[in-house]
Amino acid sequence: MAHRLYSVFSACVLIGLTLSTSAFAASKAEHTSIGHSISIGPNEEVGEVTCIGCSIFIRGHVGGDATAVGGSISIEDQGQVDGDVTSVAGNVRLDKEVKVAGDVTVVGGEIRRNPEAAIRGDVTAMGGRGWIVPLLLAPFVILGLLVALVIWLVQRLHRPAAPAIPA
């Protein structure tokens, strides 16, 4: 009897958590796109926004982070981001009356910021497109060096030992 009651209680808790999570997610949908730009309208409120190979245009409210890889981020007309704004290989433009609660980071691009834009966190910019090539090639160079080390070690272990010269 106690085991059955525990099972029913566990099932109810699991169903309640599932429904509450989906209801919360429905109120702040996340936007993820590859190759197609994302536009958040003035009356829209979303969770996190991630864009690969495209741009993000925010005029509404983003409850989390806004991240663009290979594209730019533009926050306009009283747009608001509660998290961080990050752009890799793209620019960030902040118009007046824009609010960013977190950090603004740009790698391989530049920040165009209106003096009236409010940023609570840090602003970091590693400008210029020259950073992109080393960042993208570094993992391949490290992997190549590891493969070369393994090949060298295997060849060294399989090399026959030189015979001893009698005295």
Protein backbone atom coordinates (compact mmCIF):
# COMPACT_ATOMS: atom_id res chain seq x y z
CA MET A 1 0.00 0.00 0.00
CA ALA A 2 2.77 2.46 0.95
CA HIS A 3 4.72 1.54 -2.18
CA ARG A 4 1.69 2.23 -4.39
CA LEU A 5 1.05 5.56 -2.64
CA TYR A 6 4.71 6.51 -3.15
CA SER A 7 4.48 5.60 -6.86
CA VAL A 8 1.33 7.69 -7.35
CA PHE A 9 2.89 10.63 -5.51
CA SER A 10 6.09 10.36 -7.60
CA ALA A 11 4.06 10.25 -10.82
CA CYS A 12 2.07 13.35 -9.79
CA VAL A 13 5.25 15.26 -8.95
CA LEU A 14 6.83 14.25 -12.27
CA ILE A 15 3.75 15.27 -14.26
CA GLY A 16 3.54 18.58 -12.36
CA LEU A 17 7.18 19.39 -13.05
CA THR A 18 6.80 18.51 -16.72
CA LEU A 19 3.72 20.67 -17.15
CA SER A 20 5.16 23.62 -15.23
CA THR A 21 8.39 23.50 -17.25
CA SER A 22 6.55 23.41 -20.56
CA ALA A 23 4.24 26.21 -19.47
CA PHE A 24 7.23 28.34 -18.46
CA ALA A 25 9.01 27.57 -21.73
CA ALA A 26 5.91 28.49 -23.71
CA SER A 27 5.82 31.95 -22.15
CA LYS A 28 9.45 32.68 -23.09
CA ALA A 29 10.26 30.75 -26.24
CA GLU A 30 13.86 30.42 -27.31
CA HIS A 31 14.85 31.29 -30.86
CA THR A 32 17.67 29.39 -32.57
CA SER A 33 18.43 29.82 -36.24
CA ILE A 34 21.08 28.76 -38.73
CA GLY A 35 21.32 30.92 -41.82
CA HIS A 36 18.07 32.84 -41.31
CA SER A 37 17.99 36.17 -39.47
CA ILE A 38 15.93 36.52 -36.30
CA SER A 39 13.77 39.58 -35.65
CA ILE A 40 12.21 40.24 -32.23
CA GLY A 41 9.37 42.76 -32.57
CA PRO A 42 8.63 45.64 -30.17
CA ASN A 43 5.91 43.76 -28.28
CA GLU A 44 7.63 40.35 -28.27
CA GLU A 45 9.24 38.74 -25.24
CA VAL A 46 11.47 35.71 -25.78
CA GLY A 47 13.97 33.66 -23.79
CA GLU A 48 17.40 33.20 -25.33
CA VAL A 49 18.29 34.01 -28.94
CA THR A 50 21.05 32.15 -30.84
CA CYS A 51 21.94 32.71 -34.47
CA ILE A 52 24.65 30.98 -36.53
CA GLY A 53 25.51 32.52 -39.87
CA CYS A 54 22.81 35.17 -39.59
CA SER A 55 21.88 38.39 -37.78
CA ILE A 56 19.64 39.22 -34.82
CA PHE A 57 17.41 42.32 -34.73
CA ILE A 58 15.93 43.08 -31.28
CA ARG A 59 13.26 45.70 -30.72
CA GLY A 60 11.52 43.84 -27.90
CA HIS A 61 12.59 42.00 -24.76
CA VAL A 62 15.03 39.07 -24.59
CA GLY A 63 14.89 37.35 -21.20
CA GLY A 64 18.25 35.60 -21.60
CA ASP A 65 21.37 35.85 -23.74
CA ALA A 66 21.65 36.98 -27.36
CA THR A 67 24.42 35.17 -29.28
CA ALA A 68 25.40 35.49 -32.95
CA VAL A 69 28.21 33.57 -34.64
CA GLY A 70 29.05 34.82 -38.11
CA GLY A 71 26.46 37.58 -37.94
CA SER A 72 25.64 40.84 -36.22
CA ILE A 73 23.33 41.84 -33.38
CA SER A 74 21.32 45.05 -33.56
CA ILE A 75 19.32 46.23 -30.53
CA GLU A 76 17.00 49.10 -31.43
CA ASP A 77 14.17 51.28 -30.11
CA GLN A 78 14.13 50.51 -26.39
CA GLY A 79 15.13 46.89 -26.92
CA GLN A 80 16.17 45.04 -23.80
CA VAL A 81 18.38 42.00 -23.12
CA ASP A 82 18.42 40.54 -19.60
CA GLY A 83 21.54 38.45 -20.21
CA ASP A 84 24.76 38.77 -22.18
CA VAL A 85 25.16 39.93 -25.78
CA THR A 86 27.88 38.02 -27.66
CA SER A 87 28.93 38.28 -31.28
CA VAL A 88 31.71 36.29 -32.95
CA ALA A 89 32.75 37.42 -36.46
CA GLY A 90 30.09 40.13 -36.46
CA ASN A 91 29.22 43.56 -35.11
CA VAL A 92 26.99 44.75 -32.26
CA ARG A 93 24.94 47.94 -32.63
CA LEU A 94 23.22 49.48 -29.61
CA ASP A 95 20.81 52.35 -30.23
CA LYS A 96 19.70 54.87 -27.62
CA GLU A 97 17.42 53.77 -24.78
CA VAL A 98 18.70 50.18 -25.12
CA LYS A 99 19.26 48.18 -21.91
CA VAL A 100 21.62 45.23 -21.55
CA ALA A 101 21.72 43.66 -18.08
CA GLY A 102 24.81 41.52 -18.73
CA ASP A 103 28.09 41.79 -20.60
CA VAL A 104 28.62 42.79 -24.23
CA THR A 105 31.38 40.81 -25.98
CA VAL A 106 32.50 41.10 -29.60
CA VAL A 107 35.24 38.97 -31.16
CA GLY A 108 36.20 39.75 -34.75
CA GLY A 109 33.92 42.74 -35.12
CA GLU A 110 33.17 46.10 -33.60
CA ILE A 111 30.70 47.71 -31.21
CA ARG A 112 28.66 50.71 -32.32
CA ARG A 113 27.13 52.10 -29.15
CA ASN A 114 24.95 55.13 -28.63
CA PRO A 115 26.05 57.04 -25.51
CA GLU A 116 22.52 56.68 -24.10
CA ALA A 117 22.61 52.86 -24.26
CA ALA A 118 22.77 51.29 -20.78
CA ILE A 119 25.05 48.29 -20.18
CA ARG A 120 25.30 46.95 -16.63
CA GLY A 121 28.11 44.47 -17.30
CA ASP A 122 31.50 44.68 -18.96
CA VAL A 123 32.14 45.65 -22.56
CA THR A 124 34.83 43.59 -24.32
CA ALA A 125 35.85 43.93 -27.95
CA MET A 126 38.57 42.11 -29.86
CA GLY A 127 38.12 44.00 -33.10
CA GLY A 128 39.21 43.12 -36.58
CA ARG A 129 38.61 40.02 -38.61
CA GLY A 130 42.21 38.88 -38.06
CA TRP A 131 41.20 37.07 -34.84
CA ILE A 132 38.86 34.70 -36.64
CA VAL A 133 41.49 32.71 -38.53
CA PRO A 134 43.64 31.88 -35.47
CA LEU A 135 40.56 31.03 -33.41
CA LEU A 136 39.25 28.65 -36.06
CA LEU A 137 42.63 27.09 -36.89
CA ALA A 138 43.95 26.61 -33.34
CA PRO A 139 41.99 23.38 -32.62
CA PHE A 140 43.16 21.83 -35.91
CA VAL A 141 46.80 22.73 -35.22
CA ILE A 142 46.61 21.20 -31.74
CA LEU A 143 44.97 18.06 -33.11
CA GLY A 144 47.63 17.78 -35.83
CA LEU A 145 50.42 18.09 -33.26
CA LEU A 146 48.83 15.36 -31.11
CA VAL A 147 48.55 13.02 -34.11
CA ALA A 148 52.20 13.70 -35.02
CA LEU A 149 53.25 12.91 -31.43
CA VAL A 150 51.36 9.61 -31.44
CA ILE A 151 52.88 8.61 -34.81
CA TRP A 152 56.38 9.47 -33.56
CA LEU A 153 55.88 7.44 -30.36
CA VAL A 154 54.56 4.40 -32.25
CA GLN A 155 57.46 4.49 -34.73
CA ARG A 156 59.96 4.80 -31.90
CA LEU A 157 58.50 1.79 -30.06
CA HIS A 158 58.57 -0.38 -33.20
CA ARG A 159 62.16 0.54 -34.20
CA PRO A 160 64.51 -2.43 -33.78
CA ALA A 161 67.14 -2.03 -31.13
CA ALA A 162 70.71 -1.68 -32.36
CA PRO A 163 72.76 -4.83 -31.74
CA ALA A 164 75.47 -4.61 -29.14
CA ILE A 165 78.99 -4.41 -30.52
CA PRO A 166 81.29 -7.02 -28.95
CA ALA A 167 84.37 -5.62 -27.31
